[in-house]
Structure formats: structure tokens, C-alpha cells
C-alpha atoms as a PDB file:
ATOM      1  CA  MET A   1     -89.746 -11.266 -48.342  1.00  0.00           C
ATOM      2  CA  ALA A   2     -90.314  -9.730 -44.907  1.00  0.00           C
ATOM      3  CA  ARG A   3     -88.392  -6.724 -43.594  1.00  0.00           C
ATOM      4  CA  PHE A   4     -86.805  -7.072 -40.153  1.00  0.00           C
ATOM      5  CA  VAL A   5     -85.232  -4.395 -37.966  1.00  0.00           C
ATOM      6  CA  ILE A   6     -82.830  -5.953 -35.453  1.00  0.00           C
ATOM      7  CA  THR A   7     -81.355  -3.736 -32.746  1.00  0.00           C
ATOM      8  CA  GLY A   8     -78.092  -5.041 -31.358  1.00  0.00           C
ATOM      9  CA  GLY A   9     -77.632  -6.581 -34.794  1.00  0.00           C
ATOM     10  CA  ALA A  10     -73.823  -6.425 -34.624  1.00  0.00           C
ATOM     11  CA  GLY A  11     -73.763  -8.280 -31.312  1.00  0.00           C
ATOM     12  CA  PHE A  12     -73.137 -11.933 -30.564  1.00  0.00           C
ATOM     13  CA  ILE A  13     -76.702 -13.232 -30.857  1.00  0.00           C
ATOM     14  CA  GLY A  14     -78.010 -10.422 -33.071  1.00  0.00           C
ATOM     15  CA  SER A  15     -75.484 -11.086 -35.831  1.00  0.00           C
ATOM     16  CA  HIS A  16     -76.287 -14.802 -35.929  1.00  0.00           C
ATOM     17  CA  LEU A  17     -79.950 -13.848 -36.171  1.00  0.00           C
ATOM     18  CA  CYS A  18     -79.219 -11.502 -39.086  1.00  0.00           C
ATOM     19  CA  ASP A  19     -77.437 -14.315 -40.950  1.00  0.00           C
ATOM     20  CA  ARG A  20     -80.285 -16.749 -40.416  1.00  0.00           C
ATOM     21  CA  LEU A  21     -83.017 -14.360 -41.548  1.00  0.00           C
ATOM     22  CA  LEU A  22     -81.026 -13.284 -44.606  1.00  0.00           C
ATOM     23  CA  SER A  23     -80.439 -16.920 -45.553  1.00  0.00           C
ATOM     24  CA  GLU A  24     -84.222 -17.390 -45.541  1.00  0.00           C
ATOM     25  CA  GLY A  25     -84.633 -14.588 -48.110  1.00  0.00           C
ATOM     26  CA  ASN A  26     -85.650 -11.725 -45.836  1.00  0.00           C
ATOM     27  CA  GLU A  27     -84.509  -8.108 -45.765  1.00  0.00           C
ATOM     28  CA  VAL A  28     -82.647  -7.110 -42.594  1.00  0.00           C
ATOM     29  CA  VAL A  29     -81.800  -3.713 -41.150  1.00  0.00           C
ATOM     30  CA  ALA A  30     -79.305  -4.103 -38.298  1.00  0.00           C
ATOM     31  CA  VAL A  31     -79.002  -1.256 -35.784  1.00  0.00           C
ATOM     32  CA  ASP A  32     -76.114  -1.051 -33.323  1.00  0.00           C
ATOM     33  CA  ASN A  33     -74.079   1.637 -31.562  1.00  0.00           C
ATOM     34  CA  LEU A  34     -71.101  -0.773 -31.341  1.00  0.00           C
ATOM     35  CA  ILE A  35     -70.550  -0.337 -27.594  1.00  0.00           C
ATOM     36  CA  THR A  36     -70.242  -4.116 -27.322  1.00  0.00           C
ATOM     37  CA  GLY A  37     -71.039  -5.190 -30.895  1.00  0.00           C
ATOM     38  CA  SER A  38     -68.604  -5.428 -33.811  1.00  0.00           C
ATOM     39  CA  VAL A  39     -68.989  -4.893 -37.550  1.00  0.00           C
ATOM     40  CA  ASN A  40     -66.744  -7.959 -37.969  1.00  0.00           C
ATOM     41  CA  ASN A  41     -69.697 -10.051 -36.800  1.00  0.00           C
ATOM     42  CA  LEU A  42     -71.556  -8.864 -39.911  1.00  0.00           C
ATOM     43  CA  ASN A  43     -69.035 -10.022 -42.528  1.00  0.00           C
ATOM     44  CA  LEU A  44     -71.409 -12.699 -43.808  1.00  0.00           C
ATOM     45  CA  ALA A  45     -74.462 -10.422 -43.635  1.00  0.00           C
ATOM     46  CA  TYR A  46     -72.727  -7.754 -45.726  1.00  0.00           C
ATOM     47  CA  LYS A  47     -72.534 -10.227 -48.622  1.00  0.00           C
ATOM     48  CA  SER A  48     -76.316 -10.001 -49.006  1.00  0.00           C
ATOM     49  CA  LYS A  49     -77.932  -7.241 -51.078  1.00  0.00           C
ATOM     50  CA  ASN A  50     -80.847  -7.428 -48.629  1.00  0.00           C
ATOM     51  CA  PHE A  51     -78.762  -6.224 -45.664  1.00  0.00           C
ATOM     52  CA  THR A  52     -78.376  -2.704 -44.272  1.00  0.00           C
ATOM     53  CA  PHE A  53     -76.397  -1.606 -41.228  1.00  0.00           C
ATOM     54  CA  LEU A  54     -77.100   1.580 -39.259  1.00  0.00           C
ATOM     55  CA  GLU A  55     -74.653   2.674 -36.579  1.00  0.00           C
ATOM     56  CA  THR A  56     -76.848   4.533 -34.117  1.00  0.00           C
ATOM     57  CA  ASP A  57     -78.089   4.454 -30.531  1.00  0.00           C
ATOM     58  CA  VAL A  58     -81.607   3.061 -30.364  1.00  0.00           C
ATOM     59  CA  SER A  59     -82.090   4.899 -27.049  1.00  0.00           C
ATOM     60  CA  LYS A  60     -82.025   8.175 -28.980  1.00  0.00           C
ATOM     61  CA  GLY A  61     -84.608   7.203 -31.588  1.00  0.00           C
ATOM     62  CA  LEU A  62     -85.093   5.375 -34.884  1.00  0.00           C
ATOM     63  CA  GLU A  63     -86.271   8.189 -37.154  1.00  0.00           C
ATOM     64  CA  MET A  64     -83.690   7.183 -39.761  1.00  0.00           C
ATOM     65  CA  ILE A  65     -85.548   3.957 -40.566  1.00  0.00           C
ATOM     66  CA  ASN A  66     -87.777   4.551 -43.571  1.00  0.00           C
ATOM     67  CA  GLY A  67     -90.164   2.253 -45.386  1.00  0.00           C
ATOM     68  CA  LYS A  68     -92.431  -0.525 -44.228  1.00  0.00           C
ATOM     69  CA  VAL A  69     -91.224  -2.755 -41.387  1.00  0.00           C
ATOM     70  CA  ASP A  70     -92.760  -6.165 -40.715  1.00  0.00           C
ATOM     71  CA  TYR A  71     -90.805  -7.260 -37.621  1.00  0.00           C
ATOM     72  CA  VAL A  72     -88.909  -5.315 -34.944  1.00  0.00           C
ATOM     73  CA  MET A  73     -86.547  -7.410 -32.802  1.00  0.00           C
ATOM     74  CA  HIS A  74     -85.019  -5.552 -29.849  1.00  0.00           C
ATOM     75  CA  PHE A  75     -81.748  -7.275 -28.950  1.00  0.00           C
ATOM     76  CA  ALA A  76     -79.702  -4.161 -28.109  1.00  0.00           C
ATOM     77  CA  SER A  77     -78.114  -4.163 -24.644  1.00  0.00           C
ATOM     78  CA  PRO A  78     -74.850  -4.937 -22.921  1.00  0.00           C
ATOM     79  CA  ALA A  79     -75.413  -8.510 -21.788  1.00  0.00           C
ATOM     80  CA  SER A  80     -72.430  -9.631 -19.712  1.00  0.00           C
ATOM     81  CA  PRO A  81     -71.640  -8.441 -16.178  1.00  0.00           C
ATOM     82  CA  VAL A  82     -68.346  -6.947 -17.384  1.00  0.00           C
ATOM     83  CA  ASP A  83     -70.216  -4.777 -19.877  1.00  0.00           C
ATOM     84  CA  TYR A  84     -73.290  -3.696 -17.969  1.00  0.00           C
ATOM     85  CA  LEU A  85     -71.226  -2.879 -14.893  1.00  0.00           C
ATOM     86  CA  GLU A  86     -69.064  -0.635 -17.101  1.00  0.00           C
ATOM     87  CA  PHE A  87     -72.093   0.898 -18.832  1.00  0.00           C
ATOM     88  CA  PRO A  88     -74.901   0.875 -16.224  1.00  0.00           C
ATOM     89  CA  ILE A  89     -76.632   4.059 -17.437  1.00  0.00           C
ATOM     90  CA  GLU A  90     -76.504   2.991 -21.081  1.00  0.00           C
ATOM     91  CA  THR A  91     -77.902  -0.413 -20.061  1.00  0.00           C
ATOM     92  CA  MET A  92     -80.821   1.209 -18.242  1.00  0.00           C
ATOM     93  CA  LEU A  93     -81.501   3.562 -21.142  1.00  0.00           C
ATOM     94  CA  VAL A  94     -81.528   0.875 -23.816  1.00  0.00           C
ATOM     95  CA  GLY A  95     -83.950  -1.126 -21.679  1.00  0.00           C
ATOM     96  CA  SER A  96     -86.235   1.870 -21.112  1.00  0.00           C
ATOM     97  CA  ALA A  97     -85.991   4.517 -23.858  1.00  0.00           C
ATOM     98  CA  GLY A  98     -84.680   1.946 -26.336  1.00  0.00           C
ATOM     99  CA  THR A  99     -87.590  -0.391 -25.689  1.00  0.00           C
ATOM    100  CA  HIS A 100     -90.051   2.499 -26.008  1.00  0.00           C
ATOM    101  CA  ASN A 101     -88.535   3.590 -29.332  1.00  0.00           C
ATOM    102  CA  THR A 102     -88.567   0.108 -30.819  1.00  0.00           C
ATOM    103  CA  LEU A 103     -92.136  -0.509 -29.652  1.00  0.00           C
ATOM    104  CA  GLU A 104     -93.170   2.776 -31.262  1.00  0.00           C
ATOM    105  CA  LEU A 105     -91.561   1.687 -34.529  1.00  0.00           C
ATOM    106  CA  ALA A 106     -93.533  -1.563 -34.349  1.00  0.00           C
ATOM    107  CA  ARG A 107     -96.778   0.221 -33.482  1.00  0.00           C
ATOM    108  CA  GLN A 108     -96.461   2.724 -36.324  1.00  0.00           C
ATOM    109  CA  ASN A 109     -95.807  -0.071 -38.816  1.00  0.00           C
ATOM    110  CA  LYS A 110     -98.302  -2.558 -37.347  1.00  0.00           C
ATOM    111  CA  ALA A 111     -95.275  -4.830 -37.083  1.00  0.00           C
ATOM    112  CA  THR A 112     -94.640  -7.809 -34.821  1.00  0.00           C
ATOM    113  CA  PHE A 113     -92.315  -6.895 -31.941  1.00  0.00           C
ATOM    114  CA  MET A 114     -89.886  -9.158 -30.099  1.00  0.00           C
ATOM    115  CA  LEU A 115     -88.099  -8.265 -26.878  1.00  0.00           C
ATOM    116  CA  ALA A 116     -84.914 -10.158 -26.069  1.00  0.00           C
ATOM    117  CA  SER A 117     -85.241 -10.456 -22.310  1.00  0.00           C
ATOM    118  CA  THR A 118     -83.138 -12.624 -20.040  1.00  0.00           C
ATOM    119  CA  SER A 119     -83.065 -15.245 -17.329  1.00  0.00           C
ATOM    120  CA  GLU A 120     -81.665 -12.452 -15.147  1.00  0.00           C
ATOM    121  CA  VAL A 121     -85.257 -11.304 -14.539  1.00  0.00           C
ATOM    122  CA  TYR A 122     -85.417 -14.280 -12.146  1.00  0.00           C
ATOM    123  CA  GLY A 123     -82.493 -12.882 -10.110  1.00  0.00           C
ATOM    124  CA  ASP A 124     -81.058 -15.288  -7.532  1.00  0.00           C
ATOM    125  CA  PRO A 125     -84.023 -17.664  -7.824  1.00  0.00           C
ATOM    126  CA  SER A 126     -85.830 -19.290  -4.939  1.00  0.00           C
ATOM    127  CA  ILE A 127     -87.435 -21.887  -7.229  1.00  0.00           C
ATOM    128  CA  HIS A 128     -85.539 -24.315  -9.432  1.00  0.00           C
ATOM    129  CA  PRO A 129     -85.723 -24.773 -12.374  1.00  0.00           C
ATOM    130  CA  GLN A 130     -87.208 -21.410 -13.343  1.00  0.00           C
ATOM    131  CA  ASN A 131     -90.510 -21.251 -15.204  1.00  0.00           C
ATOM    132  CA  GLU A 132     -92.135 -18.230 -16.807  1.00  0.00           C
ATOM    133  CA  GLY A 133     -94.671 -17.851 -13.994  1.00  0.00           C
ATOM    134  CA  TYR A 134     -91.953 -17.166 -11.409  1.00  0.00           C
ATOM    135  CA  TRP A 135     -91.703 -13.441 -10.555  1.00  0.00           C
ATOM    136  CA  GLY A 136     -88.062 -13.547  -9.546  1.00  0.00           C
ATOM    137  CA  ASN A 137     -85.816 -12.553  -6.644  1.00  0.00           C
ATOM    138  CA  VAL A 138     -83.977  -9.418  -7.761  1.00  0.00           C
ATOM    139  CA  ASN A 139     -82.093  -6.846  -5.687  1.00  0.00           C
ATOM    140  CA  PRO A 140     -83.409  -3.574  -7.188  1.00  0.00           C
ATOM    141  CA  ILE A 141     -80.432  -1.502  -5.998  1.00  0.00           C
ATOM    142  CA  GLY A 142     -77.613  -4.049  -6.333  1.00  0.00           C
ATOM    143  CA  LEU A 143     -74.743  -3.826  -8.806  1.00  0.00           C
ATOM    144  CA  ARG A 144     -76.527  -6.099 -11.269  1.00  0.00           C
ATOM    145  CA  SER A 145     -79.804  -4.212 -11.022  1.00  0.00           C
ATOM    146  CA  CYS A 146     -78.948  -1.978 -14.000  1.00  0.00           C
ATOM    147  CA  TYR A 147     -79.400  -5.055 -16.218  1.00  0.00           C
ATOM    148  CA  ASP A 148     -81.962  -7.039 -14.222  1.00  0.00           C
ATOM    149  CA  GLU A 149     -84.347  -4.140 -13.692  1.00  0.00           C
ATOM    150  CA  ALA A 150     -83.859  -2.743 -17.209  1.00  0.00           C
ATOM    151  CA  LYS A 151     -85.071  -6.050 -18.610  1.00  0.00           C
ATOM    152  CA  ARG A 152     -87.925  -6.334 -16.122  1.00  0.00           C
ATOM    153  CA  TYR A 153     -89.031  -2.812 -17.052  1.00  0.00           C
ATOM    154  CA  SER A 154     -88.748  -3.579 -20.758  1.00  0.00           C
ATOM    155  CA  GLU A 155     -90.986  -6.638 -20.307  1.00  0.00           C
ATOM    156  CA  ALA A 156     -93.573  -4.476 -18.511  1.00  0.00           C
ATOM    157  CA  MET A 157     -93.414  -1.863 -21.289  1.00  0.00           C
ATOM    158  CA  THR A 158     -93.817  -4.551 -23.924  1.00  0.00           C
ATOM    159  CA  MET A 159     -96.925  -5.952 -22.248  1.00  0.00           C
ATOM    160  CA  ALA A 160     -98.345  -2.427 -21.843  1.00  0.00           C
ATOM    161  CA  TYR A 161     -98.028  -1.821 -25.596  1.00  0.00           C
ATOM    162  CA  HIS A 162     -99.656  -5.167 -26.245  1.00  0.00           C
ATOM    163  CA  ARG A 163    -102.599  -4.392 -23.964  1.00  0.00           C
ATOM    164  CA  VAL A 164    -103.087  -0.701 -24.798  1.00  0.00           C
ATOM    165  CA  TYR A 165    -102.186  -0.583 -28.508  1.00  0.00           C
ATOM    166  CA  SER A 166    -102.698  -4.259 -29.438  1.00  0.00           C
ATOM    167  CA  VAL A 167     -99.121  -4.524 -30.706  1.00  0.00           C
ATOM    168  CA  ASP A 168     -98.350  -8.143 -31.567  1.00  0.00           C
ATOM    169  CA  THR A 169     -95.512  -8.783 -29.107  1.00  0.00           C
ATOM    170  CA  ARG A 170     -93.123 -11.582 -28.143  1.00  0.00           C
ATOM    171  CA  ILE A 171     -90.998 -11.818 -24.997  1.00  0.00           C
ATOM    172  CA  LEU A 172     -87.998 -14.119 -25.139  1.00  0.00           C
ATOM    173  CA  ARG A 173     -86.142 -14.967 -21.921  1.00  0.00           C
ATOM    174  CA  ILE A 174     -82.649 -16.042 -22.935  1.00  0.00           C
ATOM    175  CA  PHE A 175     -80.594 -18.307 -20.693  1.00  0.00           C
ATOM    176  CA  ASN A 176     -76.808 -18.627 -20.850  1.00  0.00           C
ATOM    177  CA  THR A 177     -75.834 -18.789 -24.524  1.00  0.00           C
ATOM    178  CA  TYR A 178     -72.380 -19.419 -25.961  1.00  0.00           C
ATOM    179  CA  GLY A 179     -70.673 -19.877 -29.307  1.00  0.00           C
ATOM    180  CA  PRO A 180     -68.636 -18.108 -31.992  1.00  0.00           C
ATOM    181  CA  ARG A 181     -68.665 -14.270 -32.039  1.00  0.00           C
ATOM    182  CA  MET A 182     -68.578 -13.858 -28.287  1.00  0.00           C
ATOM    183  CA  ARG A 183     -65.900 -11.294 -27.457  1.00  0.00           C
ATOM    184  CA  VAL A 184     -62.533 -12.354 -26.069  1.00  0.00           C
ATOM    185  CA  LYS A 185     -63.098 -10.082 -23.067  1.00  0.00           C
ATOM    186  CA  ASP A 186     -66.831 -10.757 -22.820  1.00  0.00           C
ATOM    187  CA  GLY A 187     -66.477 -11.772 -19.183  1.00  0.00           C
ATOM    188  CA  ARG A 188     -68.877 -14.722 -19.213  1.00  0.00           C
ATOM    189  CA  ALA A 189     -67.734 -18.177 -18.117  1.00  0.00           C
ATOM    190  CA  VAL A 190     -67.418 -20.054 -21.420  1.00  0.00           C
ATOM    191  CA  CYS A 191     -65.329 -17.464 -23.260  1.00  0.00           C
ATOM    192  CA  ASN A 192     -63.370 -16.565 -20.104  1.00  0.00           C
ATOM    193  CA  PHE A 193     -62.343 -20.158 -19.505  1.00  0.00           C
ATOM    194  CA  ILE A 194     -61.507 -20.879 -23.147  1.00  0.00           C
ATOM    195  CA  CYS A 195     -59.445 -17.713 -23.617  1.00  0.00           C
ATOM    196  CA  GLN A 196     -57.600 -18.149 -20.319  1.00  0.00           C
ATOM    197  CA  ALA A 197     -56.758 -21.763 -21.180  1.00  0.00           C
ATOM    198  CA  GLU A 198     -55.701 -20.911 -24.748  1.00  0.00           C
ATOM    199  CA  GLN A 199     -53.330 -18.250 -23.424  1.00  0.00           C
ATOM    200  CA  GLY A 200     -51.942 -20.402 -20.608  1.00  0.00           C
ATOM    201  CA  GLU A 201     -53.465 -18.211 -17.908  1.00  0.00           C
ATOM    202  CA  ASN A 202     -55.066 -19.595 -14.766  1.00  0.00           C
ATOM    203  CA  ILE A 203     -58.802 -20.222 -15.091  1.00  0.00           C
ATOM    204  CA  THR A 204     -60.700 -17.975 -12.685  1.00  0.00           C
ATOM    205  CA  ILE A 205     -63.834 -19.219 -10.961  1.00  0.00           C
ATOM    206  CA  TYR A 206     -65.781 -17.172  -8.449  1.00  0.00           C
ATOM    207  CA  GLY A 207     -66.651 -18.712  -5.108  1.00  0.00           C
ATOM    208  CA  ASP A 208     -66.172 -22.473  -4.938  1.00  0.00           C
ATOM    209  CA  GLY A 209     -67.618 -22.998  -8.413  1.00  0.00           C
ATOM    210  CA  SER A 210     -70.675 -24.847  -7.137  1.00  0.00           C
ATOM    211  CA  GLN A 211     -73.047 -22.273  -8.681  1.00  0.00           C
ATOM    212  CA  THR A 212     -74.768 -23.715 -11.741  1.00  0.00           C
ATOM    213  CA  ARG A 213     -75.639 -22.517 -15.216  1.00  0.00           C
ATOM    214  CA  SER A 214     -77.277 -24.106 -18.252  1.00  0.00           C
ATOM    215  CA  PHE A 215     -75.413 -23.484 -21.503  1.00  0.00           C
ATOM    216  CA  CYS A 216     -77.216 -23.274 -24.852  1.00  0.00           C
ATOM    217  CA  TYR A 217     -75.321 -23.197 -28.154  1.00  0.00           C
ATOM    218  CA  VAL A 218     -76.152 -20.128 -30.234  1.00  0.00           C
ATOM    219  CA  ASP A 219     -77.425 -22.075 -33.267  1.00  0.00           C
ATOM    220  CA  ASP A 220     -80.046 -23.782 -31.102  1.00  0.00           C
ATOM    221  CA  LEU A 221     -81.110 -20.450 -29.636  1.00  0.00           C
ATOM    222  CA  VAL A 222     -81.516 -18.799 -33.041  1.00  0.00           C
ATOM    223  CA  ILE A 223     -83.802 -21.607 -34.227  1.00  0.00           C
ATOM    224  CA  GLY A 224     -85.944 -21.069 -31.123  1.00  0.00           C
ATOM    225  CA  ILE A 225     -86.041 -17.317 -31.741  1.00  0.00           C
ATOM    226  CA  ILE A 226     -87.267 -17.804 -35.297  1.00  0.00           C
ATOM    227  CA  LYS A 227     -89.942 -20.223 -34.136  1.00  0.00           C
ATOM    228  CA  LEU A 228     -91.076 -17.763 -31.458  1.00  0.00           C
ATOM    229  CA  ILE A 229     -91.314 -14.703 -33.718  1.00  0.00           C
ATOM    230  CA  TYR A 230     -93.682 -16.593 -36.033  1.00  0.00           C
ATOM    231  CA  SER A 231     -95.629 -18.302 -33.228  1.00  0.00           C
ATOM    232  CA  GLY A 232     -98.292 -15.781 -32.224  1.00  0.00           C
ATOM    233  CA  GLU A 233     -97.377 -16.291 -28.540  1.00  0.00           C
ATOM    234  CA  ASN A 234     -97.516 -13.026 -26.574  1.00  0.00           C
ATOM    235  CA  MET A 235     -96.499 -14.203 -23.106  1.00  0.00           C
ATOM    236  CA  PRO A 236     -92.845 -14.784 -22.061  1.00  0.00           C
ATOM    237  CA  VAL A 237     -91.087 -17.941 -23.227  1.00  0.00           C
ATOM    238  CA  ASN A 238     -87.836 -19.358 -21.818  1.00  0.00           C
ATOM    239  CA  LEU A 239     -85.238 -20.423 -24.377  1.00  0.00           C
ATOM    240  CA  GLY A 240     -82.193 -22.224 -23.064  1.00  0.00           C
ATOM    241  CA  ASN A 241     -80.653 -25.618 -22.460  1.00  0.00           C
ATOM    242  CA  PRO A 242     -82.103 -27.362 -19.391  1.00  0.00           C
ATOM    243  CA  THR A 243     -78.911 -29.401 -18.885  1.00  0.00           C
ATOM    244  CA  GLU A 244     -77.449 -27.939 -15.684  1.00  0.00           C
ATOM    245  CA  LEU A 245     -73.715 -27.814 -14.978  1.00  0.00           C
ATOM    246  CA  SER A 246     -71.624 -26.358 -12.172  1.00  0.00           C
ATOM    247  CA  ILE A 247     -69.140 -23.643 -13.064  1.00  0.00           C
ATOM    248  CA  LEU A 248     -66.341 -25.788 -11.645  1.00  0.00           C
ATOM    249  CA  ASP A 249     -67.317 -28.712 -13.873  1.00  0.00           C
ATOM    250  CA  LEU A 250     -67.399 -26.380 -16.880  1.00  0.00           C
ATOM    251  CA  ALA A 251     -63.853 -25.225 -16.087  1.00  0.00           C
ATOM    252  CA  LYS A 252     -62.687 -28.839 -15.834  1.00  0.00           C
ATOM    253  CA  LEU A 253     -64.371 -29.677 -19.141  1.00  0.00           C
ATOM    254  CA  VAL A 254     -62.572 -26.810 -20.890  1.00  0.00           C
ATOM    255  CA  LEU A 255     -59.251 -27.982 -19.435  1.00  0.00           C
ATOM    256  CA  GLU A 256     -59.901 -31.453 -20.851  1.00  0.00           C
ATOM    257  CA  LYS A 257     -60.313 -30.024 -24.347  1.00  0.00           C
ATOM    258  CA  ILE A 258     -57.403 -27.558 -24.468  1.00  0.00           C
ATOM    259  CA  GLU A 259     -53.749 -28.488 -24.023  1.00  0.00           C
ATOM    260  CA  THR A 260     -52.613 -25.922 -21.478  1.00  0.00           C
ATOM    261  CA  LYS A 261     -50.701 -25.383 -18.256  1.00  0.00           C
ATOM    262  CA  SER A 262     -53.602 -23.410 -16.794  1.00  0.00           C
ATOM    263  CA  GLN A 263     -54.765 -24.162 -13.269  1.00  0.00           C
ATOM    264  CA  ILE A 264     -58.118 -23.380 -11.658  1.00  0.00           C
ATOM    265  CA  VAL A 265     -57.990 -20.539  -9.127  1.00  0.00           C
ATOM    266  CA  GLN A 266     -60.762 -19.088  -6.976  1.00  0.00           C
ATOM    267  CA  LYS A 267     -61.828 -15.489  -6.401  1.00  0.00           C
ATOM    268  CA  PRO A 268     -64.629 -14.080  -4.201  1.00  0.00           C
ATOM    269  CA  LEU A 269     -68.177 -14.476  -5.477  1.00  0.00           C
ATOM    270  CA  PRO A 270     -69.586 -11.212  -6.919  1.00  0.00           C
ATOM    271  CA  GLU A 271     -72.571  -9.495  -5.301  1.00  0.00           C
ATOM    272  CA  ASP A 272     -75.975 -11.033  -6.149  1.00  0.00           C
ATOM    273  CA  ASP A 273     -74.435 -13.721  -8.357  1.00  0.00           C
ATOM    274  CA  PRO A 274     -77.200 -16.334  -8.873  1.00  0.00           C
ATOM    275  CA  LYS A 275     -76.474 -19.656  -7.186  1.00  0.00           C
ATOM    276  CA  VAL A 276     -78.499 -21.674  -9.681  1.00  0.00           C
ATOM    277  CA  ARG A 277     -79.804 -21.121 -13.175  1.00  0.00           C
ATOM    278  CA  GLN A 278     -81.785 -23.679 -15.179  1.00  0.00           C
ATOM    279  CA  PRO A 279     -84.673 -23.044 -17.567  1.00  0.00           C
ATOM    280  CA  ASP A 280     -87.952 -24.874 -17.476  1.00  0.00           C
ATOM    281  CA  ILE A 281     -88.608 -25.087 -21.232  1.00  0.00           C
ATOM    282  CA  THR A 282     -91.971 -26.837 -21.055  1.00  0.00           C
ATOM    283  CA  ARG A 283     -93.713 -23.902 -22.765  1.00  0.00           C
ATOM    284  CA  ALA A 284     -91.111 -23.783 -25.552  1.00  0.00           C
ATOM    285  CA  LYS A 285     -91.556 -27.517 -26.151  1.00  0.00           C
ATOM    286  CA  ASN A 286     -95.349 -27.289 -26.196  1.00  0.00           C
ATOM    287  CA  ILE A 287     -95.801 -24.005 -28.089  1.00  0.00           C
ATOM    288  CA  LEU A 288     -92.794 -24.013 -30.411  1.00  0.00           C
ATOM    289  CA  GLU A 289     -91.933 -27.709 -30.566  1.00  0.00           C
ATOM    290  CA  TRP A 290     -88.395 -26.563 -29.735  1.00  0.00           C
ATOM    291  CA  GLU A 291     -85.609 -27.870 -27.578  1.00  0.00           C
ATOM    292  CA  PRO A 292     -81.828 -27.624 -27.953  1.00  0.00           C
ATOM    293  CA  VAL A 293     -80.033 -30.416 -29.799  1.00  0.00           C
ATOM    294  CA  VAL A 294     -76.335 -29.387 -29.771  1.00  0.00           C
ATOM    295  CA  PRO A 295     -74.504 -31.209 -26.936  1.00  0.00           C
ATOM    296  CA  LEU A 296     -72.159 -29.130 -24.787  1.00  0.00           C
ATOM    297  CA  ASP A 297     -69.160 -31.183 -25.943  1.00  0.00           C
ATOM    298  CA  GLU A 298     -69.892 -30.394 -29.581  1.00  0.00           C
ATOM    299  CA  GLY A 299     -70.654 -26.735 -28.975  1.00  0.00           C
ATOM    300  CA  LEU A 300     -67.496 -26.247 -26.917  1.00  0.00           C
ATOM    301  CA  VAL A 301     -65.316 -27.711 -29.679  1.00  0.00           C
ATOM    302  CA  LYS A 302     -66.766 -25.228 -32.195  1.00  0.00           C
ATOM    303  CA  THR A 303     -66.364 -22.353 -29.763  1.00  0.00           C
ATOM    304  CA  ILE A 304     -62.797 -23.313 -28.858  1.00  0.00           C
ATOM    305  CA  ASP A 305     -61.918 -23.471 -32.555  1.00  0.00           C
ATOM    306  CA  TYR A 306     -63.335 -19.970 -33.058  1.00  0.00           C
ATOM    307  CA  PHE A 307     -61.430 -18.424 -30.153  1.00  0.00           C
ATOM    308  CA  SER A 308     -58.229 -20.257 -31.070  1.00  0.00           C
ATOM    309  CA  LYS A 309     -58.280 -18.585 -34.494  1.00  0.00           C
ATOM    310  CA  ILE A 310     -59.186 -15.175 -33.069  1.00  0.00           C
ATOM    311  CA  LEU A 311     -56.385 -15.287 -30.504  1.00  0.00           C
ATOM    312  CA  LYS A 312     -53.894 -16.289 -33.202  1.00  0.00           C
ATOM    313  CA  GLY A 313     -55.056 -13.417 -35.379  1.00  0.00           C
ATOM    314  CA  ASP A 314     -56.417 -15.688 -38.138  1.00  0.00           C
END
């Protein structure tokens, strides 16, 4: 049995990760300040005697964690534009002070450290698809910079700890992920479109909808995360689905799957919104022998079913 500390453990991805690690017989300590996470995401985790939840802000320290730690996985951060635009300072702090605190916990325990970074480090990319060697095109003072630059800084801090203190580190660059446990008001395209359609509201797209994203189902992502943490790979690795889709086509696909009177309406494109987003997962295939297997049609059905029950209060 290994002992994992997962920050952001009550969040969308973090809670799925907790469940997976517990199912494999590990001990898990989830840390979350519940700004965007929810204890309801941990209902399955709480059934395990090997699970502990600590409600605290990782940016302020982790002194309350006692005992040997084998793995530290830093997933804490607002992750949707709605959230990090509401909490820009908190987003910067969890990427800076929070990353420092979690790296210190790993260093003191000689534990393996994983940083959950993001495709947002590539900004509005000038190369397509995006590979790990691309340095990105980020506006350092734009509205989205609180998230983009926090993650870029946290990657730099992670590599500094690896080089200076020989901490065994992993850097995971997550591309658009969807699935059960996303919040109704998360603000990202998949849950926005599903919830709007389920409630008979017009589906809102920004710009003409020609901007693209690549959507990875959460179960696929979690498998890739587990493979990466055990891999010994210290340099960044993209995890995402390389199947590219326009936002307009995603909206149409959701409308095909939900009986609704919703129509598609357009609003202005937000500042610095990336025009394209598609991962090059060559390194993940070669190093981890990983690639996503859940088709978008299948993943959307599962996600629609989840939101349908949530919206009905089931």
C-alpha cells in the first residue's frame, strides 16, 4: 500500500483519481479548500477506510499532514475560465505558494511529485497540434493570465526542485477533459451545452464556433495519470484526446442527443480565447503506451445521464 496526498482531491478530476487509487488498495489523503470542489464528489471515497479528507488551503501550508507520504499529486486550482476569472489571486497563489508547499512535502518525504499542468500553457498556439517542446503563445497580462502563468510558473518551480533537490517529479499537461462530477455552472463547453439543453435554454457559443477543442473522457485521463505517476518520466507529457472538434459541431452533437427546444446563439469571443487546441500525444503513446479509447459519443451519453440526474435532484 502506497500513501498518496492529492490536492484538489474534491474536484472533478481529483475525486476520480482518489477513487481509482483507493480501488487499487492505496491510502489517499485528499486536500481541498472547496472553492470549486465538493465533498459530494467524495461519496465513494468515503466508503474506504484508507481515505482521509482535509479541508484546507494548500497555499497556506500542509503542516497538518503527518506520517510518511509516497506520492504528492498537486491538482488544486480553479480550472475553468468562470472560476479563475472569479478567483484570479487564489489561482495565482495555488500555482505559486501551493506548488512550493506541495513540492516541499514531497522533498521532505522523498516522495514522487506530480504537477497537474494544462494545455493552457500553450496559450493561443501558433503551432498545431501542440507538442511538449512548444513554448507557447501566452499573453502575460491578459484576463486568462492568472491561470496560464500560474501553471507556467508551477512547471518552472517543479523543474527547479527536480534539478536542485533531485525530487522525482512528473508534469502532466491536461487537455480538455469532461465527464461526471463537472459542476453545473462550471462554464466549460461540454457541461454548459448539456445543462443549457437539458433546461431548454439556448446554447451559447462564443464567436462563430469555429474554434476547436479536443475532448477527453475523464476515465481515459485518469488511466493516463496513473501510468505517468509510475513511469519515471520527469519531462512534461500531454494527456488528452487528439480528435479535434469545433465548438459549433460539439453544440450540434449535444442537440442531437437531448430532446430540447434549445437553439444555438452566438456571443462575442472572450479575450485570448485559443482558436485551436489539439494535443500531440506521441510522447504519451511511446512512454506510457497510453491513448484514449472512449469515443466522444459514448462519453457524452454518460455525461448527459449524470447531469440529467443532477438537474432533476436525483
